[in-house]
Amino acid sequence: MALQGYRILQGLLIGFILVGGGCLSSLPPPKLPHYLGTPLPIQKQPVTLKEPLHADLLVLNDTSGKYSPPPLSKDTMDALTKSLRTNLGRTISIVIEEVLPAQEFASGNVLPSLQAFARRQGKRYLMLAVFSSVEVEAPDRLPLQGILAGGSGLVGYRVENYALAELALLDVRTGQILVQADGRAWAVLKRLAVPLASNVYPVVRRNWTFPPIYPDSDEVAYEVLRQVASQDALEQALFHLKERWNRLFAASHSDT
């Protein structure tokens, strides 16, 4: 009950932020500066790149925000890491050689540690991925059959997750970012306030173009919500990364 009360209060507090002029589409704020420093070390000079590019991968889940949900589960992080590793090879010809253990680089500015690691291992490039989100939960009236008809409905809760995926390809020898991109996504969980047998709730939706997902329980439903939103944000980030990678690669070969 204490956790449920906290989530409801969390939703009300974020509601006050919106009334005060904030916007959930800009939440959570970017996390890369926390790990790479401010201002971000963007590569300014032209570089020569060869495809495929061999790099290591570091995937972090940032939960430092005031309205962040609990950390993603190991299964979710493993799934996101696998998806990212596979799609990097397909979209921008990056071959991931090694996935670095997140627990060794999970706090504060990781750039000095990454550079020290690169010197020891003779590595040059690293793809850094940071996942974060904001979560809002508030009371709601849920339609009996999952389709609203009239003003009545079951007593329940609406949980919205706003996810951010940030990607940065680093030259760890120089400490510079060669290319970066991010993606944002949203998903909603609707669940009943009391444990009733139902084939309609809990349900996770992104938008009406995707089929609904029916988790087995409320406990599982929260993780499904966060995984769906994070995966959709990752796909957006990869789309933007491909565009920027193509421009970078073209510029690096413009004089050859």
C-alpha atoms as a PDB file:
ATOM      1  CA  MET A   1       0.000   0.000   0.000  1.00  0.00           C
ATOM      2  CA  ALA A   2       2.875   2.382   0.738  1.00  0.00           C
ATOM      3  CA  LEU A   3       4.337   1.837  -2.744  1.00  0.00           C
ATOM      4  CA  GLN A   4       0.923   2.313  -4.353  1.00  0.00           C
ATOM      5  CA  GLY A   5       0.413   5.559  -2.429  1.00  0.00           C
ATOM      6  CA  TYR A   6       3.847   6.764  -3.536  1.00  0.00           C
ATOM      7  CA  ARG A   7       3.033   6.076  -7.187  1.00  0.00           C
ATOM      8  CA  ILE A   8      -0.248   7.995  -6.972  1.00  0.00           C
ATOM      9  CA  LEU A   9       1.482  10.913  -5.258  1.00  0.00           C
ATOM     10  CA  GLN A  10       4.153  10.759  -7.954  1.00  0.00           C
ATOM     11  CA  GLY A  11       1.475  11.116 -10.637  1.00  0.00           C
ATOM     12  CA  LEU A  12      -0.100  14.098  -8.861  1.00  0.00           C
ATOM     13  CA  LEU A  13       3.268  15.819  -8.473  1.00  0.00           C
ATOM     14  CA  ILE A  14       4.072  15.448 -12.167  1.00  0.00           C
ATOM     15  CA  GLY A  15       0.589  16.770 -12.895  1.00  0.00           C
ATOM     16  CA  PHE A  16       1.542  19.936 -11.014  1.00  0.00           C
ATOM     17  CA  ILE A  17       4.681  20.165 -13.162  1.00  0.00           C
ATOM     18  CA  LEU A  18       2.536  20.071 -16.299  1.00  0.00           C
ATOM     19  CA  VAL A  19       0.196  22.734 -14.968  1.00  0.00           C
ATOM     20  CA  GLY A  20       3.219  24.861 -14.175  1.00  0.00           C
ATOM     21  CA  GLY A  21       4.316  24.818 -17.785  1.00  0.00           C
ATOM     22  CA  GLY A  22       6.406  21.662 -17.995  1.00  0.00           C
ATOM     23  CA  CYS A  23       5.955  18.953 -20.601  1.00  0.00           C
ATOM     24  CA  LEU A  24       6.280  15.185 -20.262  1.00  0.00           C
ATOM     25  CA  SER A  25       7.505  14.976 -23.873  1.00  0.00           C
ATOM     26  CA  SER A  26      10.768  16.541 -22.609  1.00  0.00           C
ATOM     27  CA  LEU A  27      11.028  14.176 -19.626  1.00  0.00           C
ATOM     28  CA  PRO A  28      13.233  12.544 -18.624  1.00  0.00           C
ATOM     29  CA  PRO A  29      15.982  15.076 -19.363  1.00  0.00           C
ATOM     30  CA  PRO A  30      19.094  13.880 -21.248  1.00  0.00           C
ATOM     31  CA  LYS A  31      21.426  11.742 -19.161  1.00  0.00           C
ATOM     32  CA  LEU A  32      24.543  11.666 -21.370  1.00  0.00           C
ATOM     33  CA  PRO A  33      26.021  14.815 -19.784  1.00  0.00           C
ATOM     34  CA  HIS A  34      25.940  13.041 -16.409  1.00  0.00           C
ATOM     35  CA  TYR A  35      28.152  10.257 -17.771  1.00  0.00           C
ATOM     36  CA  LEU A  36      30.319  12.139 -20.292  1.00  0.00           C
ATOM     37  CA  GLY A  37      30.529  15.635 -18.820  1.00  0.00           C
ATOM     38  CA  THR A  38      29.143  19.066 -19.699  1.00  0.00           C
ATOM     39  CA  PRO A  39      29.381  20.283 -22.359  1.00  0.00           C
ATOM     40  CA  LEU A  40      29.370  16.990 -24.215  1.00  0.00           C
ATOM     41  CA  PRO A  41      32.757  16.307 -25.872  1.00  0.00           C
ATOM     42  CA  ILE A  42      31.608  16.434 -29.498  1.00  0.00           C
ATOM     43  CA  GLN A  43      34.186  15.661 -32.206  1.00  0.00           C
ATOM     44  CA  LYS A  44      34.609  18.840 -34.301  1.00  0.00           C
ATOM     45  CA  GLN A  45      37.260  17.809 -36.794  1.00  0.00           C
ATOM     46  CA  PRO A  46      36.662  15.435 -39.753  1.00  0.00           C
ATOM     47  CA  VAL A  47      37.543  11.807 -39.085  1.00  0.00           C
ATOM     48  CA  THR A  48      38.212   8.886 -41.401  1.00  0.00           C
ATOM     49  CA  LEU A  49      36.066   5.836 -40.673  1.00  0.00           C
ATOM     50  CA  LYS A  50      36.075   2.360 -42.165  1.00  0.00           C
ATOM     51  CA  GLU A  51      33.100  -0.006 -42.261  1.00  0.00           C
ATOM     52  CA  PRO A  52      32.509  -2.227 -40.460  1.00  0.00           C
ATOM     53  CA  LEU A  53      33.590  -0.348 -37.344  1.00  0.00           C
ATOM     54  CA  HIS A  54      34.591  -2.557 -34.420  1.00  0.00           C
ATOM     55  CA  ALA A  55      33.537  -1.279 -31.005  1.00  0.00           C
ATOM     56  CA  ASP A  56      32.659  -2.351 -27.485  1.00  0.00           C
ATOM     57  CA  LEU A  57      29.230  -1.707 -25.972  1.00  0.00           C
ATOM     58  CA  LEU A  58      28.236  -0.295 -22.581  1.00  0.00           C
ATOM     59  CA  VAL A  59      24.526  -0.221 -21.683  1.00  0.00           C
ATOM     60  CA  LEU A  60      23.381   1.729 -18.610  1.00  0.00           C
ATOM     61  CA  ASN A  61      19.993   2.190 -16.945  1.00  0.00           C
ATOM     62  CA  ASP A  62      19.800   5.578 -15.246  1.00  0.00           C
ATOM     63  CA  THR A  63      17.295   5.776 -12.371  1.00  0.00           C
ATOM     64  CA  SER A  64      18.658   8.931 -10.751  1.00  0.00           C
ATOM     65  CA  GLY A  65      15.728  11.134 -11.790  1.00  0.00           C
ATOM     66  CA  LYS A  66      13.202  12.319  -9.236  1.00  0.00           C
ATOM     67  CA  TYR A  67      10.317  10.508 -10.950  1.00  0.00           C
ATOM     68  CA  SER A  68      12.261   7.497 -12.257  1.00  0.00           C
ATOM     69  CA  PRO A  69      10.720   4.042 -11.844  1.00  0.00           C
ATOM     70  CA  PRO A  70      12.736   1.201 -10.287  1.00  0.00           C
ATOM     71  CA  PRO A  71      15.647  -0.198 -12.319  1.00  0.00           C
ATOM     72  CA  LEU A  72      14.871  -2.369 -15.324  1.00  0.00           C
ATOM     73  CA  SER A  73      15.151  -6.087 -14.628  1.00  0.00           C
ATOM     74  CA  LYS A  74      18.145  -8.103 -15.788  1.00  0.00           C
ATOM     75  CA  ASP A  75      15.956  -9.855 -18.378  1.00  0.00           C
ATOM     76  CA  THR A  76      14.832  -6.505 -19.796  1.00  0.00           C
ATOM     77  CA  MET A  77      18.367  -5.135 -19.889  1.00  0.00           C
ATOM     78  CA  ASP A  78      19.599  -8.315 -21.570  1.00  0.00           C
ATOM     79  CA  ALA A  79      16.824  -8.036 -24.178  1.00  0.00           C
ATOM     80  CA  LEU A  80      17.589  -4.360 -24.881  1.00  0.00           C
ATOM     81  CA  THR A  81      21.321  -5.090 -25.125  1.00  0.00           C
ATOM     82  CA  LYS A  82      20.722  -7.944 -27.562  1.00  0.00           C
ATOM     83  CA  SER A  83      18.394  -5.808 -29.676  1.00  0.00           C
ATOM     84  CA  LEU A  84      20.889  -2.936 -29.749  1.00  0.00           C
ATOM     85  CA  ARG A  85      23.817  -5.194 -30.596  1.00  0.00           C
ATOM     86  CA  THR A  86      21.925  -6.853 -33.449  1.00  0.00           C
ATOM     87  CA  ASN A  87      20.550  -3.643 -34.925  1.00  0.00           C
ATOM     88  CA  LEU A  88      23.852  -1.770 -34.795  1.00  0.00           C
ATOM     89  CA  GLY A  89      25.288  -4.359 -37.164  1.00  0.00           C
ATOM     90  CA  ARG A  90      22.296  -4.088 -39.479  1.00  0.00           C
ATOM     91  CA  THR A  91      21.845  -0.324 -39.556  1.00  0.00           C
ATOM     92  CA  ILE A  92      25.288   1.280 -39.395  1.00  0.00           C
ATOM     93  CA  SER A  93      27.807  -1.557 -39.793  1.00  0.00           C
ATOM     94  CA  ILE A  94      29.138  -1.533 -36.245  1.00  0.00           C
ATOM     95  CA  VAL A  95      30.422  -4.885 -35.025  1.00  0.00           C
ATOM     96  CA  ILE A  96      30.208  -5.169 -31.240  1.00  0.00           C
ATOM     97  CA  GLU A  97      33.197  -7.096 -29.942  1.00  0.00           C
ATOM     98  CA  GLU A  98      32.467  -7.026 -26.210  1.00  0.00           C
ATOM     99  CA  VAL A  99      29.654  -5.928 -23.889  1.00  0.00           C
ATOM    100  CA  LEU A 100      31.207  -4.223 -20.888  1.00  0.00           C
ATOM    101  CA  PRO A 101      29.845  -4.950 -17.384  1.00  0.00           C
ATOM    102  CA  ALA A 102      27.596  -2.019 -16.445  1.00  0.00           C
ATOM    103  CA  GLN A 103      28.299  -2.346 -12.714  1.00  0.00           C
ATOM    104  CA  GLU A 104      31.887  -1.216 -13.283  1.00  0.00           C
ATOM    105  CA  PHE A 105      30.877   2.052 -14.974  1.00  0.00           C
ATOM    106  CA  ALA A 106      27.416   2.836 -13.579  1.00  0.00           C
ATOM    107  CA  SER A 107      28.010   5.994 -11.524  1.00  0.00           C
ATOM    108  CA  GLY A 108      29.144   9.512 -12.339  1.00  0.00           C
ATOM    109  CA  ASN A 109      31.389  10.523 -15.233  1.00  0.00           C
ATOM    110  CA  VAL A 110      32.435   7.247 -16.870  1.00  0.00           C
ATOM    111  CA  LEU A 111      34.721   8.785 -19.503  1.00  0.00           C
ATOM    112  CA  PRO A 112      37.999   8.611 -17.514  1.00  0.00           C
ATOM    113  CA  SER A 113      37.306   4.976 -16.600  1.00  0.00           C
ATOM    114  CA  LEU A 114      36.484   4.113 -20.210  1.00  0.00           C
ATOM    115  CA  GLN A 115      39.663   5.772 -21.432  1.00  0.00           C
ATOM    116  CA  ALA A 116      41.743   3.885 -18.864  1.00  0.00           C
ATOM    117  CA  PHE A 117      40.063   0.642 -19.945  1.00  0.00           C
ATOM    118  CA  ALA A 118      40.774   1.430 -23.611  1.00  0.00           C
ATOM    119  CA  ARG A 119      44.444   2.010 -22.898  1.00  0.00           C
ATOM    120  CA  ARG A 120      44.733  -1.308 -21.037  1.00  0.00           C
ATOM    121  CA  GLN A 121      42.859  -3.308 -23.669  1.00  0.00           C
ATOM    122  CA  GLY A 122      44.070  -1.508 -26.790  1.00  0.00           C
ATOM    123  CA  LYS A 123      40.499  -0.513 -27.746  1.00  0.00           C
ATOM    124  CA  ARG A 124      39.460   2.531 -29.791  1.00  0.00           C
ATOM    125  CA  TYR A 125      35.674   2.816 -30.131  1.00  0.00           C
ATOM    126  CA  LEU A 126      32.792   2.318 -27.747  1.00  0.00           C
ATOM    127  CA  MET A 127      29.021   2.640 -28.132  1.00  0.00           C
ATOM    128  CA  LEU A 128      27.415   4.008 -24.958  1.00  0.00           C
ATOM    129  CA  ALA A 129      23.673   3.477 -24.496  1.00  0.00           C
ATOM    130  CA  VAL A 130      21.740   5.037 -21.621  1.00  0.00           C
ATOM    131  CA  PHE A 131      18.108   4.159 -20.865  1.00  0.00           C
ATOM    132  CA  SER A 132      15.974   6.271 -18.538  1.00  0.00           C
ATOM    133  CA  SER A 133      12.296   7.032 -18.002  1.00  0.00           C
ATOM    134  CA  VAL A 134       9.666   8.924 -16.055  1.00  0.00           C
ATOM    135  CA  GLU A 135       6.604   7.100 -14.758  1.00  0.00           C
ATOM    136  CA  VAL A 136       3.205   8.519 -13.794  1.00  0.00           C
ATOM    137  CA  GLU A 137       0.425   6.621 -12.017  1.00  0.00           C
ATOM    138  CA  ALA A 138      -3.029   7.994 -11.200  1.00  0.00           C
ATOM    139  CA  PRO A 139      -6.554   6.653 -10.493  1.00  0.00           C
ATOM    140  CA  ASP A 140      -8.724   6.015 -13.555  1.00  0.00           C
ATOM    141  CA  ARG A 141     -12.099   4.557 -14.563  1.00  0.00           C
ATOM    142  CA  LEU A 142     -11.545   1.510 -16.755  1.00  0.00           C
ATOM    143  CA  PRO A 143     -14.172   0.202 -19.201  1.00  0.00           C
ATOM    144  CA  LEU A 144     -15.525  -3.242 -18.373  1.00  0.00           C
ATOM    145  CA  GLN A 145     -14.556  -4.802 -21.723  1.00  0.00           C
ATOM    146  CA  GLY A 146     -11.560  -2.596 -22.414  1.00  0.00           C
ATOM    147  CA  ILE A 147     -13.553  -0.255 -24.688  1.00  0.00           C
ATOM    148  CA  LEU A 148     -14.997   2.841 -23.062  1.00  0.00           C
ATOM    149  CA  ALA A 149     -18.769   3.193 -23.455  1.00  0.00           C
ATOM    150  CA  GLY A 150     -20.309   5.956 -21.403  1.00  0.00           C
ATOM    151  CA  GLY A 151     -18.913   7.559 -18.268  1.00  0.00           C
ATOM    152  CA  SER A 152     -18.929   4.551 -15.928  1.00  0.00           C
ATOM    153  CA  GLY A 153     -16.308   1.871 -15.514  1.00  0.00           C
ATOM    154  CA  LEU A 154     -14.207  -0.207 -13.155  1.00  0.00           C
ATOM    155  CA  VAL A 155     -12.021   1.449 -10.544  1.00  0.00           C
ATOM    156  CA  GLY A 156      -8.405   1.147 -11.571  1.00  0.00           C
ATOM    157  CA  TYR A 157      -5.145   2.905 -12.301  1.00  0.00           C
ATOM    158  CA  ARG A 158      -3.474   4.319 -15.392  1.00  0.00           C
ATOM    159  CA  VAL A 159       0.329   4.125 -15.480  1.00  0.00           C
ATOM    160  CA  GLU A 160       2.234   6.040 -18.160  1.00  0.00           C
ATOM    161  CA  ASN A 161       5.920   5.495 -18.881  1.00  0.00           C
ATOM    162  CA  TYR A 162       7.909   8.053 -20.889  1.00  0.00           C
ATOM    163  CA  ALA A 163      11.183   6.455 -21.988  1.00  0.00           C
ATOM    164  CA  LEU A 164      14.395   7.928 -23.362  1.00  0.00           C
ATOM    165  CA  ALA A 165      17.176   6.001 -25.126  1.00  0.00           C
ATOM    166  CA  GLU A 166      20.448   7.820 -25.781  1.00  0.00           C
ATOM    167  CA  LEU A 167      23.270   6.507 -27.955  1.00  0.00           C
ATOM    168  CA  ALA A 168      26.786   7.898 -28.336  1.00  0.00           C
ATOM    169  CA  LEU A 169      29.666   6.446 -30.350  1.00  0.00           C
ATOM    170  CA  LEU A 170      32.913   7.392 -28.600  1.00  0.00           C
ATOM    171  CA  ASP A 171      36.504   7.487 -29.715  1.00  0.00           C
ATOM    172  CA  VAL A 172      37.758   6.518 -26.270  1.00  0.00           C
ATOM    173  CA  ARG A 173      41.358   7.440 -27.082  1.00  0.00           C
ATOM    174  CA  THR A 174      40.449  11.097 -27.590  1.00  0.00           C
ATOM    175  CA  GLY A 175      37.330  11.116 -25.388  1.00  0.00           C
ATOM    176  CA  GLN A 176      35.277  12.607 -28.220  1.00  0.00           C
ATOM    177  CA  ILE A 177      31.758  11.700 -29.373  1.00  0.00           C
ATOM    178  CA  LEU A 178      31.782  10.848 -33.077  1.00  0.00           C
ATOM    179  CA  VAL A 179      28.011  10.555 -33.462  1.00  0.00           C
ATOM    180  CA  GLN A 180      25.058  10.573 -31.086  1.00  0.00           C
ATOM    181  CA  ALA A 181      21.272  10.203 -31.245  1.00  0.00           C
ATOM    182  CA  ASP A 182      18.319   9.702 -28.985  1.00  0.00           C
ATOM    183  CA  GLY A 183      14.767   8.430 -29.147  1.00  0.00           C
ATOM    184  CA  ARG A 184      11.660   8.896 -27.010  1.00  0.00           C
ATOM    185  CA  ALA A 185       8.607   6.676 -26.639  1.00  0.00           C
ATOM    186  CA  TRP A 186       5.498   6.281 -24.527  1.00  0.00           C
ATOM    187  CA  ALA A 187       3.434   3.342 -23.282  1.00  0.00           C
ATOM    188  CA  VAL A 188       0.497   3.020 -20.896  1.00  0.00           C
ATOM    189  CA  LEU A 189      -0.548   0.303 -18.443  1.00  0.00           C
ATOM    190  CA  LYS A 190      -4.138   0.029 -17.227  1.00  0.00           C
ATOM    191  CA  ARG A 191      -4.766  -2.158 -14.214  1.00  0.00           C
ATOM    192  CA  LEU A 192      -7.624  -2.822 -11.803  1.00  0.00           C
ATOM    193  CA  ALA A 193      -7.591  -1.410  -8.278  1.00  0.00           C
ATOM    194  CA  VAL A 194      -8.686  -4.764  -6.804  1.00  0.00           C
ATOM    195  CA  PRO A 195      -7.494  -8.246  -7.811  1.00  0.00           C
ATOM    196  CA  LEU A 196     -10.342  -9.531 -10.007  1.00  0.00           C
ATOM    197  CA  ALA A 197     -10.162 -12.312 -12.584  1.00  0.00           C
ATOM    198  CA  SER A 198     -10.055 -10.569 -15.963  1.00  0.00           C
ATOM    199  CA  ASN A 199      -9.005 -11.300 -19.521  1.00  0.00           C
ATOM    200  CA  VAL A 200      -8.890  -7.555 -20.255  1.00  0.00           C
ATOM    201  CA  TYR A 201      -6.684  -6.198 -17.425  1.00  0.00           C
ATOM    202  CA  PRO A 202      -3.889  -5.570 -16.859  1.00  0.00           C
ATOM    203  CA  VAL A 203      -3.188  -4.325 -20.390  1.00  0.00           C
ATOM    204  CA  VAL A 204      -0.233  -2.461 -21.909  1.00  0.00           C
ATOM    205  CA  ARG A 205      -0.693  -0.290 -25.006  1.00  0.00           C
ATOM    206  CA  ARG A 206       1.569   1.963 -27.041  1.00  0.00           C
ATOM    207  CA  ASN A 207      -0.919   3.377 -29.521  1.00  0.00           C
ATOM    208  CA  TRP A 208      -3.870   2.030 -31.444  1.00  0.00           C
ATOM    209  CA  THR A 209      -1.716   0.815 -34.357  1.00  0.00           C
ATOM    210  CA  PHE A 210      -0.110  -1.859 -32.140  1.00  0.00           C
ATOM    211  CA  PRO A 211      -2.021  -4.779 -30.623  1.00  0.00           C
ATOM    212  CA  PRO A 212      -2.475  -4.659 -26.837  1.00  0.00           C
ATOM    213  CA  ILE A 213      -0.304  -6.782 -24.558  1.00  0.00           C
ATOM    214  CA  TYR A 214      -1.937  -8.683 -21.688  1.00  0.00           C
ATOM    215  CA  PRO A 215       0.597  -9.476 -18.918  1.00  0.00           C
ATOM    216  CA  ASP A 216      -0.138 -12.298 -16.473  1.00  0.00           C
ATOM    217  CA  SER A 217      -0.145 -10.074 -13.354  1.00  0.00           C
ATOM    218  CA  ASP A 218       0.254  -6.493 -12.158  1.00  0.00           C
ATOM    219  CA  GLU A 219       3.819  -7.226 -11.015  1.00  0.00           C
ATOM    220  CA  VAL A 220       4.803  -8.468 -14.471  1.00  0.00           C
ATOM    221  CA  ALA A 221       2.788  -5.681 -16.127  1.00  0.00           C
ATOM    222  CA  TYR A 222       5.022  -2.907 -14.791  1.00  0.00           C
ATOM    223  CA  GLU A 223       8.117  -4.538 -16.262  1.00  0.00           C
ATOM    224  CA  VAL A 224       6.341  -5.154 -19.597  1.00  0.00           C
ATOM    225  CA  LEU A 225       5.351  -1.466 -19.682  1.00  0.00           C
ATOM    226  CA  ARG A 226       8.926  -0.318 -19.124  1.00  0.00           C
ATOM    227  CA  GLN A 227      10.417  -2.791 -21.583  1.00  0.00           C
ATOM    228  CA  VAL A 228       7.959  -1.864 -24.346  1.00  0.00           C
ATOM    229  CA  ALA A 229       8.560   1.877 -23.912  1.00  0.00           C
ATOM    230  CA  SER A 230      12.352   1.421 -23.727  1.00  0.00           C
ATOM    231  CA  GLN A 231      12.429  -0.799 -26.829  1.00  0.00           C
ATOM    232  CA  ASP A 232      10.344   1.697 -28.814  1.00  0.00           C
ATOM    233  CA  ALA A 233      12.631   4.527 -27.676  1.00  0.00           C
ATOM    234  CA  LEU A 234      15.644   2.459 -28.758  1.00  0.00           C
ATOM    235  CA  GLU A 235      14.173   1.941 -32.218  1.00  0.00           C
ATOM    236  CA  GLN A 236      13.671   5.700 -32.569  1.00  0.00           C
ATOM    237  CA  ALA A 237      17.250   6.327 -31.440  1.00  0.00           C
ATOM    238  CA  LEU A 238      18.606   3.795 -33.949  1.00  0.00           C
ATOM    239  CA  PHE A 239      16.623   5.457 -36.751  1.00  0.00           C
ATOM    240  CA  HIS A 240      18.171   8.846 -35.931  1.00  0.00           C
ATOM    241  CA  LEU A 241      21.603   7.298 -35.436  1.00  0.00           C
ATOM    242  CA  LYS A 242      21.527   5.770 -38.906  1.00  0.00           C
ATOM    243  CA  GLU A 243      20.783   9.168 -40.480  1.00  0.00           C
ATOM    244  CA  ARG A 244      23.636  10.854 -38.617  1.00  0.00           C
ATOM    245  CA  TRP A 245      26.020   7.963 -39.206  1.00  0.00           C
ATOM    246  CA  ASN A 246      25.418   8.161 -42.968  1.00  0.00           C
ATOM    247  CA  ARG A 247      26.224  11.887 -42.929  1.00  0.00           C
ATOM    248  CA  LEU A 248      29.343  11.313 -40.826  1.00  0.00           C
ATOM    249  CA  PHE A 249      30.553   8.451 -43.001  1.00  0.00           C
ATOM    250  CA  ALA A 250      29.938  10.448 -46.186  1.00  0.00           C
ATOM    251  CA  ALA A 251      31.836  13.441 -44.784  1.00  0.00           C
ATOM    252  CA  SER A 252      34.771  11.254 -43.720  1.00  0.00           C
ATOM    253  CA  HIS A 253      35.158  10.059 -47.318  1.00  0.00           C
ATOM    254  CA  SER A 254      34.366  13.314 -49.149  1.00  0.00           C
ATOM    255  CA  ASP A 255      38.035  13.996 -49.894  1.00  0.00           C
ATOM    256  CA  THR A 256      39.009  10.441 -50.830  1.00  0.00           C
END
